[in-house]
PDB file of N, CA and C in Angstrom:
ATOM      1  N   MET A   1       2.940 -18.699  -0.777  1.00  0.00           N
ATOM      2  CA  MET A   1       1.682 -18.106  -1.183  1.00  0.00           C
ATOM      3  C   MET A   1       1.947 -16.703  -1.707  1.00  0.00           C
ATOM      4  N   THR A   2       1.300 -16.320  -2.769  1.00  0.00           N
ATOM      5  CA  THR A   2       1.474 -15.015  -3.371  1.00  0.00           C
ATOM      6  C   THR A   2       0.605 -13.985  -2.662  1.00  0.00           C
ATOM      7  N   THR A   3       1.193 -12.806  -2.423  1.00  0.00           N
ATOM      8  CA  THR A   3       0.438 -11.716  -1.829  1.00  0.00           C
ATOM      9  C   THR A   3      -0.424 -11.098  -2.911  1.00  0.00           C
ATOM     10  N   SER A   4      -1.701 -10.912  -2.615  1.00  0.00           N
ATOM     11  CA  SER A   4      -2.586 -10.292  -3.594  1.00  0.00           C
ATOM     12  C   SER A   4      -3.541  -9.358  -2.887  1.00  0.00           C
ATOM     13  N   LEU A   5      -4.053  -8.431  -3.619  1.00  0.00           N
ATOM     14  CA  LEU A   5      -5.038  -7.499  -3.098  1.00  0.00           C
ATOM     15  C   LEU A   5      -6.437  -8.037  -3.341  1.00  0.00           C
ATOM     16  N   HIS A   6      -7.334  -7.772  -2.397  1.00  0.00           N
ATOM     17  CA  HIS A   6      -8.748  -8.085  -2.622  1.00  0.00           C
ATOM     18  C   HIS A   6      -9.220  -7.419  -3.904  1.00  0.00           C
ATOM     19  N   THR A   7      -8.673  -6.264  -4.192  1.00  0.00           N
ATOM     20  CA  THR A   7      -9.174  -5.422  -5.269  1.00  0.00           C
ATOM     21  C   THR A   7      -8.759  -5.896  -6.659  1.00  0.00           C
ATOM     22  N   LEU A   8      -7.999  -6.981  -6.766  1.00  0.00           N
ATOM     23  CA  LEU A   8      -7.593  -7.415  -8.091  1.00  0.00           C
ATOM     24  C   LEU A   8      -8.786  -7.832  -8.940  1.00  0.00           C
ATOM     25  N   THR A   9      -9.883  -8.217  -8.298  1.00  0.00           N
ATOM     26  CA  THR A   9     -11.075  -8.563  -9.058  1.00  0.00           C
ATOM     27  C   THR A   9     -12.101  -7.427  -9.023  1.00  0.00           C
ATOM     28  N   ALA A  10     -11.817  -6.397  -8.253  1.00  0.00           N
ATOM     29  CA  ALA A  10     -12.703  -5.237  -8.151  1.00  0.00           C
ATOM     30  C   ALA A  10     -12.171  -4.138  -9.069  1.00  0.00           C
ATOM     31  N   PRO A  11     -12.862  -3.008  -9.152  1.00  0.00           N
ATOM     32  CA  PRO A  11     -12.373  -1.918  -9.988  1.00  0.00           C
ATOM     33  C   PRO A  11     -10.972  -1.490  -9.587  1.00  0.00           C
ATOM     34  N   ARG A  12     -10.160  -1.209 -10.579  1.00  0.00           N
ATOM     35  CA  ARG A  12      -8.766  -0.861 -10.343  1.00  0.00           C
ATOM     36  C   ARG A  12      -8.593   0.407  -9.526  1.00  0.00           C
ATOM     37  N   THR A  13      -9.590   1.239  -9.428  1.00  0.00           N
ATOM     38  CA  THR A  13      -9.462   2.483  -8.680  1.00  0.00           C
ATOM     39  C   THR A  13      -9.119   2.232  -7.216  1.00  0.00           C
ATOM     40  N   ASP A  14      -9.530   1.102  -6.661  1.00  0.00           N
ATOM     41  CA  ASP A  14      -9.235   0.798  -5.267  1.00  0.00           C
ATOM     42  C   ASP A  14      -7.746   0.647  -5.013  1.00  0.00           C
ATOM     43  N   THR A  15      -7.006   0.086  -5.952  1.00  0.00           N
ATOM     44  CA  THR A  15      -5.569  -0.101  -5.768  1.00  0.00           C
ATOM     45  C   THR A  15      -4.860   1.248  -5.692  1.00  0.00           C
ATOM     46  N   GLY A  16      -5.227   2.160  -6.545  1.00  0.00           N
ATOM     47  CA  GLY A  16      -4.630   3.499  -6.509  1.00  0.00           C
ATOM     48  C   GLY A  16      -4.922   4.201  -5.200  1.00  0.00           C
ATOM     49  N   LEU A  17      -6.134   4.060  -4.734  1.00  0.00           N
ATOM     50  CA  LEU A  17      -6.515   4.658  -3.459  1.00  0.00           C
ATOM     51  C   LEU A  17      -5.715   4.034  -2.322  1.00  0.00           C
ATOM     52  N   PHE A  18      -5.561   2.722  -2.349  1.00  0.00           N
ATOM     53  CA  PHE A  18      -4.774   2.023  -1.332  1.00  0.00           C
ATOM     54  C   PHE A  18      -3.342   2.542  -1.287  1.00  0.00           C
ATOM     55  N   VAL A  19      -2.700   2.643  -2.439  1.00  0.00           N
ATOM     56  CA  VAL A  19      -1.307   3.111  -2.487  1.00  0.00           C
ATOM     57  C   VAL A  19      -1.212   4.537  -1.949  1.00  0.00           C
ATOM     58  N   ARG A  20      -2.115   5.396  -2.365  1.00  0.00           N
ATOM     59  CA  ARG A  20      -2.107   6.788  -1.893  1.00  0.00           C
ATOM     60  C   ARG A  20      -2.341   6.853  -0.382  1.00  0.00           C
ATOM     61  N   GLN A  21      -3.299   6.068   0.119  1.00  0.00           N
ATOM     62  CA  GLN A  21      -3.580   6.072   1.556  1.00  0.00           C
ATOM     63  C   GLN A  21      -2.365   5.608   2.354  1.00  0.00           C
ATOM     64  N   LEU A  22      -1.706   4.574   1.889  1.00  0.00           N
ATOM     65  CA  LEU A  22      -0.521   4.091   2.597  1.00  0.00           C
ATOM     66  C   LEU A  22       0.589   5.133   2.563  1.00  0.00           C
ATOM     67  N   ARG A  23       0.823   5.722   1.412  1.00  0.00           N
ATOM     68  CA  ARG A  23       1.876   6.744   1.297  1.00  0.00           C
ATOM     69  C   ARG A  23       1.598   7.910   2.234  1.00  0.00           C
ATOM     70  N   GLN A  24       0.361   8.341   2.289  1.00  0.00           N
ATOM     71  CA  GLN A  24       0.002   9.445   3.174  1.00  0.00           C
ATOM     72  C   GLN A  24       0.076   9.038   4.640  1.00  0.00           C
ATOM     73  N   LEU A  25      -0.243   7.792   4.934  1.00  0.00           N
ATOM     74  CA  LEU A  25      -0.166   7.299   6.307  1.00  0.00           C
ATOM     75  C   LEU A  25       1.269   7.333   6.829  1.00  0.00           C
ATOM     76  N   VAL A  26       2.224   7.021   5.966  1.00  0.00           N
ATOM     77  CA  VAL A  26       3.627   7.055   6.378  1.00  0.00           C
ATOM     78  C   VAL A  26       4.241   8.437   6.172  1.00  0.00           C
ATOM     79  N   ASP A  27       3.404   9.383   5.730  1.00  0.00           N
ATOM     80  CA  ASP A  27       3.791  10.790   5.589  1.00  0.00           C
ATOM     81  C   ASP A  27       5.012  10.988   4.691  1.00  0.00           C
ATOM     82  N   LEU A  28       4.931  10.377   3.493  1.00  0.00           N
ATOM     83  CA  LEU A  28       6.015  10.500   2.523  1.00  0.00           C
ATOM     84  C   LEU A  28       5.501  11.128   1.231  1.00  0.00           C
ATOM     85  N   THR A  29       6.383  11.860   0.570  1.00  0.00           N
ATOM     86  CA  THR A  29       6.075  12.361  -0.766  1.00  0.00           C
ATOM     87  C   THR A  29       6.157  11.182  -1.739  1.00  0.00           C
ATOM     88  N   GLN A  30       5.690  11.385  -2.959  1.00  0.00           N
ATOM     89  CA  GLN A  30       5.823  10.328  -3.956  1.00  0.00           C
ATOM     90  C   GLN A  30       7.294   9.981  -4.167  1.00  0.00           C
ATOM     91  N   ALA A  31       8.167  10.982  -4.159  1.00  0.00           N
ATOM     92  CA  ALA A  31       9.597  10.744  -4.355  1.00  0.00           C
ATOM     93  C   ALA A  31      10.180   9.915  -3.212  1.00  0.00           C
ATOM     94  N   GLN A  32       9.830  10.250  -1.995  1.00  0.00           N
ATOM     95  CA  GLN A  32      10.332   9.506  -0.840  1.00  0.00           C
ATOM     96  C   GLN A  32       9.796   8.079  -0.827  1.00  0.00           C
ATOM     97  N   PHE A  33       8.533   7.943  -1.154  1.00  0.00           N
ATOM     98  CA  PHE A  33       7.893   6.626  -1.191  1.00  0.00           C
ATOM     99  C   PHE A  33       8.543   5.764  -2.264  1.00  0.00           C
ATOM    100  N   ALA A  34       8.773   6.350  -3.432  1.00  0.00           N
ATOM    101  CA  ALA A  34       9.414   5.637  -4.537  1.00  0.00           C
ATOM    102  C   ALA A  34      10.808   5.161  -4.128  1.00  0.00           C
ATOM    103  N   GLU A  35      11.563   6.033  -3.479  1.00  0.00           N
ATOM    104  CA  GLU A  35      12.915   5.670  -3.049  1.00  0.00           C
ATOM    105  C   GLU A  35      12.866   4.517  -2.039  1.00  0.00           C
ATOM    106  N   LYS A  36      11.946   4.583  -1.112  1.00  0.00           N
ATOM    107  CA  LYS A  36      11.802   3.535  -0.091  1.00  0.00           C
ATOM    108  C   LYS A  36      11.496   2.178  -0.728  1.00  0.00           C
ATOM    109  N   LEU A  37      10.708   2.188  -1.801  1.00  0.00           N
ATOM    110  CA  LEU A  37      10.315   0.948  -2.474  1.00  0.00           C
ATOM    111  C   LEU A  37      11.276   0.536  -3.586  1.00  0.00           C
ATOM    112  N   GLY A  38      12.195   1.418  -3.948  1.00  0.00           N
ATOM    113  CA  GLY A  38      13.133   1.103  -5.024  1.00  0.00           C
ATOM    114  C   GLY A  38      12.508   1.170  -6.404  1.00  0.00           C
ATOM    115  N   VAL A  39      11.534   2.066  -6.558  1.00  0.00           N
ATOM    116  CA  VAL A  39      10.893   2.274  -7.862  1.00  0.00           C
ATOM    117  C   VAL A  39      11.025   3.749  -8.237  1.00  0.00           C
ATOM    118  N   SER A  40      10.614   4.084  -9.437  1.00  0.00           N
ATOM    119  CA  SER A  40      10.691   5.473  -9.878  1.00  0.00           C
ATOM    120  C   SER A  40       9.477   6.270  -9.395  1.00  0.00           C
ATOM    121  N   ILE A  41       9.621   7.576  -9.382  1.00  0.00           N
ATOM    122  CA  ILE A  41       8.508   8.457  -9.011  1.00  0.00           C
ATOM    123  C   ILE A  41       7.330   8.270  -9.968  1.00  0.00           C
ATOM    124  N   PRO A  42       7.583   8.213 -11.293  1.00  0.00           N
ATOM    125  CA  PRO A  42       6.445   7.984 -12.193  1.00  0.00           C
ATOM    126  C   PRO A  42       5.716   6.665 -11.933  1.00  0.00           C
ATOM    127  N   THR A  43       6.425   5.656 -11.443  1.00  0.00           N
ATOM    128  CA  THR A  43       5.777   4.387 -11.126  1.00  0.00           C
ATOM    129  C   THR A  43       4.761   4.574 -10.008  1.00  0.00           C
ATOM    130  N   VAL A  44       5.160   5.283  -8.948  1.00  0.00           N
ATOM    131  CA  VAL A  44       4.232   5.545  -7.848  1.00  0.00           C
ATOM    132  C   VAL A  44       3.042   6.348  -8.357  1.00  0.00           C
ATOM    133  N   ALA A  45       3.301   7.346  -9.186  1.00  0.00           N
ATOM    134  CA  ALA A  45       2.210   8.157  -9.742  1.00  0.00           C
ATOM    135  C   ALA A  45       1.263   7.297 -10.579  1.00  0.00           C
ATOM    136  N   ARG A  46       1.811   6.371 -11.374  1.00  0.00           N
ATOM    137  CA  ARG A  46       0.960   5.478 -12.184  1.00  0.00           C
ATOM    138  C   ARG A  46       0.118   4.578 -11.293  1.00  0.00           C
ATOM    139  N   TRP A  47       0.700   4.086 -10.209  1.00  0.00           N
ATOM    140  CA  TRP A  47      -0.082   3.257  -9.283  1.00  0.00           C
ATOM    141  C   TRP A  47      -1.233   4.060  -8.701  1.00  0.00           C
ATOM    142  N   GLU A  48      -0.916   5.274  -8.239  1.00  0.00           N
ATOM    143  CA  GLU A  48      -1.937   6.101  -7.591  1.00  0.00           C
ATOM    144  C   GLU A  48      -3.025   6.552  -8.557  1.00  0.00           C
ATOM    145  N   ASN A  49      -2.673   6.677  -9.827  1.00  0.00           N
ATOM    146  CA  ASN A  49      -3.641   7.105 -10.837  1.00  0.00           C
ATOM    147  C   ASN A  49      -4.248   5.932 -11.597  1.00  0.00           C
ATOM    148  N   ASN A  50      -3.988   4.728 -11.109  1.00  0.00           N
ATOM    149  CA  ASN A  50      -4.564   3.501 -11.681  1.00  0.00           C
ATOM    150  C   ASN A  50      -4.199   3.253 -13.133  1.00  0.00           C
ATOM    151  N   ARG A  51      -3.013   3.700 -13.516  1.00  0.00           N
ATOM    152  CA  ARG A  51      -2.544   3.422 -14.872  1.00  0.00           C
ATOM    153  C   ARG A  51      -1.712   2.154 -14.917  1.00  0.00           C
ATOM    154  N   SER A  52      -1.267   1.675 -13.745  1.00  0.00           N
ATOM    155  CA  SER A  52      -0.592   0.379 -13.645  1.00  0.00           C
ATOM    156  C   SER A  52      -0.774  -0.155 -12.235  1.00  0.00           C
ATOM    157  N   GLN A  53      -0.471  -1.424 -12.069  1.00  0.00           N
ATOM    158  CA  GLN A  53      -0.627  -2.106 -10.787  1.00  0.00           C
ATOM    159  C   GLN A  53       0.749  -2.406 -10.193  1.00  0.00           C
ATOM    160  N   PRO A  54       0.876  -2.377  -8.873  1.00  0.00           N
ATOM    161  CA  PRO A  54       2.141  -2.783  -8.252  1.00  0.00           C
ATOM    162  C   PRO A  54       2.442  -4.252  -8.577  1.00  0.00           C
ATOM    163  N   SER A  55       3.710  -4.548  -8.749  1.00  0.00           N
ATOM    164  CA  SER A  55       4.135  -5.929  -8.987  1.00  0.00           C
ATOM    165  C   SER A  55       3.941  -6.752  -7.717  1.00  0.00           C
ATOM    166  N   PRO A  56       4.011  -8.076  -7.819  1.00  0.00           N
ATOM    167  CA  PRO A  56       3.921  -8.897  -6.611  1.00  0.00           C
ATOM    168  C   PRO A  56       4.989  -8.530  -5.563  1.00  0.00           C
ATOM    169  N   LEU A  57       6.206  -8.217  -6.012  1.00  0.00           N
ATOM    170  CA  LEU A  57       7.254  -7.800  -5.076  1.00  0.00           C
ATOM    171  C   LEU A  57       6.880  -6.488  -4.390  1.00  0.00           C
ATOM    172  N   ALA A  58       6.377  -5.536  -5.154  1.00  0.00           N
ATOM    173  CA  ALA A  58       5.968  -4.251  -4.574  1.00  0.00           C
ATOM    174  C   ALA A  58       4.812  -4.455  -3.592  1.00  0.00           C
ATOM    175  N   LEU A  59       3.878  -5.344  -3.925  1.00  0.00           N
ATOM    176  CA  LEU A  59       2.780  -5.633  -3.001  1.00  0.00           C
ATOM    177  C   LEU A  59       3.297  -6.198  -1.687  1.00  0.00           C
ATOM    178  N   MET A  60       4.309  -7.054  -1.757  1.00  0.00           N
ATOM    179  CA  MET A  60       4.886  -7.602  -0.531  1.00  0.00           C
ATOM    180  C   MET A  60       5.540  -6.494   0.296  1.00  0.00           C
ATOM    181  N   GLN A  61       6.198  -5.544  -0.378  1.00  0.00           N
ATOM    182  CA  GLN A  61       6.814  -4.428   0.331  1.00  0.00           C
ATOM    183  C   GLN A  61       5.749  -3.535   0.973  1.00  0.00           C
ATOM    184  N   LEU A  62       4.675  -3.284   0.258  1.00  0.00           N
ATOM    185  CA  LEU A  62       3.592  -2.464   0.799  1.00  0.00           C
ATOM    186  C   LEU A  62       2.961  -3.147   2.008  1.00  0.00           C
ATOM    187  N   LYS A  63       2.763  -4.451   1.890  1.00  0.00           N
ATOM    188  CA  LYS A  63       2.191  -5.201   3.004  1.00  0.00           C
ATOM    189  C   LYS A  63       3.131  -5.172   4.212  1.00  0.00           C
ATOM    190  N   ALA A  64       4.432  -5.291   3.974  1.00  0.00           N
ATOM    191  CA  ALA A  64       5.407  -5.250   5.063  1.00  0.00           C
ATOM    192  C   ALA A  64       5.366  -3.900   5.778  1.00  0.00           C
ATOM    193  N   MET A  65       5.193  -2.818   5.010  1.00  0.00           N
ATOM    194  CA  MET A  65       5.072  -1.484   5.617  1.00  0.00           C
ATOM    195  C   MET A  65       3.869  -1.445   6.554  1.00  0.00           C
ATOM    196  N   LEU A  66       2.763  -1.988   6.087  1.00  0.00           N
ATOM    197  CA  LEU A  66       1.547  -2.001   6.906  1.00  0.00           C
ATOM    198  C   LEU A  66       1.724  -2.856   8.157  1.00  0.00           C
ATOM    199  N   CYS A  67       2.389  -3.983   8.015  1.00  0.00           N
ATOM    200  CA  CYS A  67       2.608  -4.862   9.175  1.00  0.00           C
ATOM    201  C   CYS A  67       3.445  -4.164  10.241  1.00  0.00           C
ATOM    202  N   LYS A  68       4.427  -3.382   9.821  1.00  0.00           N
ATOM    203  CA  LYS A  68       5.225  -2.610  10.780  1.00  0.00           C
ATOM    204  C   LYS A  68       4.369  -1.545  11.454  1.00  0.00           C
ATOM    205  N   LEU A  69       3.532  -0.888  10.664  1.00  0.00           N
ATOM    206  CA  LEU A  69       2.696   0.184  11.202  1.00  0.00           C
ATOM    207  C   LEU A  69       1.634  -0.324  12.167  1.00  0.00           C
ATOM    208  N   LYS A  70       1.180  -1.547  11.978  1.00  0.00           N
ATOM    209  CA  LYS A  70       0.132  -2.046  12.878  1.00  0.00           C
ATOM    210  C   LYS A  70       0.670  -2.268  14.291  1.00  0.00           C
ATOM    211  N   ASP A  71       1.990  -2.255  14.449  1.00  0.00           N
ATOM    212  CA  ASP A  71       2.616  -2.353  15.766  1.00  0.00           C
ATOM    213  C   ASP A  71       3.053  -0.989  16.281  1.00  0.00           C
ATOM    214  N   SER A  72       2.632   0.060  15.604  1.00  0.00           N
ATOM    215  CA  SER A  72       3.012   1.421  15.967  1.00  0.00           C
ATOM    216  C   SER A  72       2.438   1.810  17.332  1.00  0.00           C
ATOM    217  N   PRO A  73       3.199   2.599  18.103  1.00  0.00           N
ATOM    218  CA  PRO A  73       2.667   3.102  19.367  1.00  0.00           C
ATOM    219  C   PRO A  73       1.623   4.198  19.147  1.00  0.00           C
ATOM    220  N   HIS A  74       1.560   4.724  17.930  1.00  0.00           N
ATOM    221  CA  HIS A  74       0.594   5.769  17.595  1.00  0.00           C
ATOM    222  C   HIS A  74      -0.726   5.108  17.206  1.00  0.00           C
ATOM    223  N   LYS A  75      -1.740   5.353  17.990  1.00  0.00           N
ATOM    224  CA  LYS A  75      -3.024   4.667  17.821  1.00  0.00           C
ATOM    225  C   LYS A  75      -3.628   4.881  16.432  1.00  0.00           C
ATOM    226  N   LEU A  76      -3.564   6.110  15.909  1.00  0.00           N
ATOM    227  CA  LEU A  76      -4.140   6.389  14.601  1.00  0.00           C
ATOM    228  C   LEU A  76      -3.439   5.586  13.505  1.00  0.00           C
ATOM    229  N   GLN A  77      -2.096   5.595  13.524  1.00  0.00           N
ATOM    230  CA  GLN A  77      -1.345   4.824  12.525  1.00  0.00           C
ATOM    231  C   GLN A  77      -1.672   3.339  12.643  1.00  0.00           C
ATOM    232  N   LYS A  78      -1.707   2.852  13.861  1.00  0.00           N
ATOM    233  CA  LYS A  78      -1.993   1.441  14.099  1.00  0.00           C
ATOM    234  C   LYS A  78      -3.373   1.061  13.559  1.00  0.00           C
ATOM    235  N   ASN A  79      -4.382   1.859  13.889  1.00  0.00           N
ATOM    236  CA  ASN A  79      -5.743   1.572  13.433  1.00  0.00           C
ATOM    237  C   ASN A  79      -5.874   1.658  11.923  1.00  0.00           C
ATOM    238  N   CYS A  80      -5.259   2.664  11.320  1.00  0.00           N
ATOM    239  CA  CYS A  80      -5.317   2.812   9.857  1.00  0.00           C
ATOM    240  C   CYS A  80      -4.606   1.651   9.165  1.00  0.00           C
ATOM    241  N   ALA A  81      -3.451   1.257   9.695  1.00  0.00           N
ATOM    242  CA  ALA A  81      -2.706   0.141   9.103  1.00  0.00           C
ATOM    243  C   ALA A  81      -3.522  -1.143   9.182  1.00  0.00           C
ATOM    244  N   GLN A  82      -4.158  -1.394  10.320  1.00  0.00           N
ATOM    245  CA  GLN A  82      -4.975  -2.590  10.466  1.00  0.00           C
ATOM    246  C   GLN A  82      -6.156  -2.575   9.494  1.00  0.00           C
ATOM    247  N   ALA A  83      -6.760  -1.402   9.335  1.00  0.00           N
ATOM    248  CA  ALA A  83      -7.890  -1.287   8.408  1.00  0.00           C
ATOM    249  C   ALA A  83      -7.448  -1.522   6.968  1.00  0.00           C
ATOM    250  N   LEU A  84      -6.296  -0.977   6.582  1.00  0.00           N
ATOM    251  CA  LEU A  84      -5.794  -1.186   5.222  1.00  0.00           C
ATOM    252  C   LEU A  84      -5.434  -2.647   4.991  1.00  0.00           C
ATOM    253  N   LEU A  85      -4.797  -3.278   5.976  1.00  0.00           N
ATOM    254  CA  LEU A  85      -4.474  -4.704   5.836  1.00  0.00           C
ATOM    255  C   LEU A  85      -5.736  -5.540   5.666  1.00  0.00           C
ATOM    256  N   ALA A  86      -6.712  -5.287   6.506  1.00  0.00           N
ATOM    257  CA  ALA A  86      -7.959  -6.055   6.443  1.00  0.00           C
ATOM    258  C   ALA A  86      -8.734  -5.762   5.162  1.00  0.00           C
ATOM    259  N   GLY A  87      -8.670  -4.527   4.692  1.00  0.00           N
ATOM    260  CA  GLY A  87      -9.454  -4.139   3.536  1.00  0.00           C
ATOM    261  C   GLY A  87      -8.862  -4.505   2.195  1.00  0.00           C
ATOM    262  N   TYR A  88      -7.536  -4.684   2.147  1.00  0.00           N
ATOM    263  CA  TYR A  88      -6.901  -4.878   0.842  1.00  0.00           C
ATOM    264  C   TYR A  88      -6.160  -6.190   0.660  1.00  0.00           C
ATOM    265  N   PHE A  89      -5.847  -6.887   1.749  1.00  0.00           N
ATOM    266  CA  PHE A  89      -5.102  -8.119   1.601  1.00  0.00           C
ATOM    267  C   PHE A  89      -5.933  -9.313   2.025  1.00  0.00           C
ATOM    268  N   ASP A  90      -5.695 -10.447   1.377  1.00  0.00           N
ATOM    269  CA  ASP A  90      -6.470 -11.669   1.597  1.00  0.00           C
ATOM    270  C   ASP A  90      -6.015 -12.423   2.842  1.00  0.00           C
ATOM    271  N   GLU A  91      -6.077 -11.755   3.969  1.00  0.00           N
ATOM    272  CA  GLU A  91      -5.802 -12.457   5.222  1.00  0.00           C
ATOM    273  C   GLU A  91      -6.332 -11.649   6.381  1.00  0.00           C
ATOM    274  N   ASP A  92      -6.533 -12.322   7.489  1.00  0.00           N
ATOM    275  CA  ASP A  92      -7.007 -11.643   8.696  1.00  0.00           C
ATOM    276  C   ASP A  92      -5.848 -10.901   9.331  1.00  0.00           C
ATOM    277  N   VAL A  93      -6.200  -9.815  10.007  1.00  0.00           N
ATOM    278  CA  VAL A  93      -5.173  -8.996  10.666  1.00  0.00           C
ATOM    279  C   VAL A  93      -4.931  -9.516  12.051  1.00  0.00           C
TER     280      VAL A  93
END
């Protein structure tokens, strides 16, 4: 099954917000986030500014980050990760 965002049929601005929220949740700069995902810094900036969409592979990586965070011992990270998973991906948390 392909990983997809709920927002693919909604306004593209939601995807940029999702990427920015996740990056900030893991407390990484755009450069650090790009390195972690194996993409360029401008790619992350384009995602956050809604000039392009993450590829299916990148979406799987983003989802994997959230799945790890939902098991975090830090309550805030855990709650935010669960909310992002429920709000952006087509599956129950």
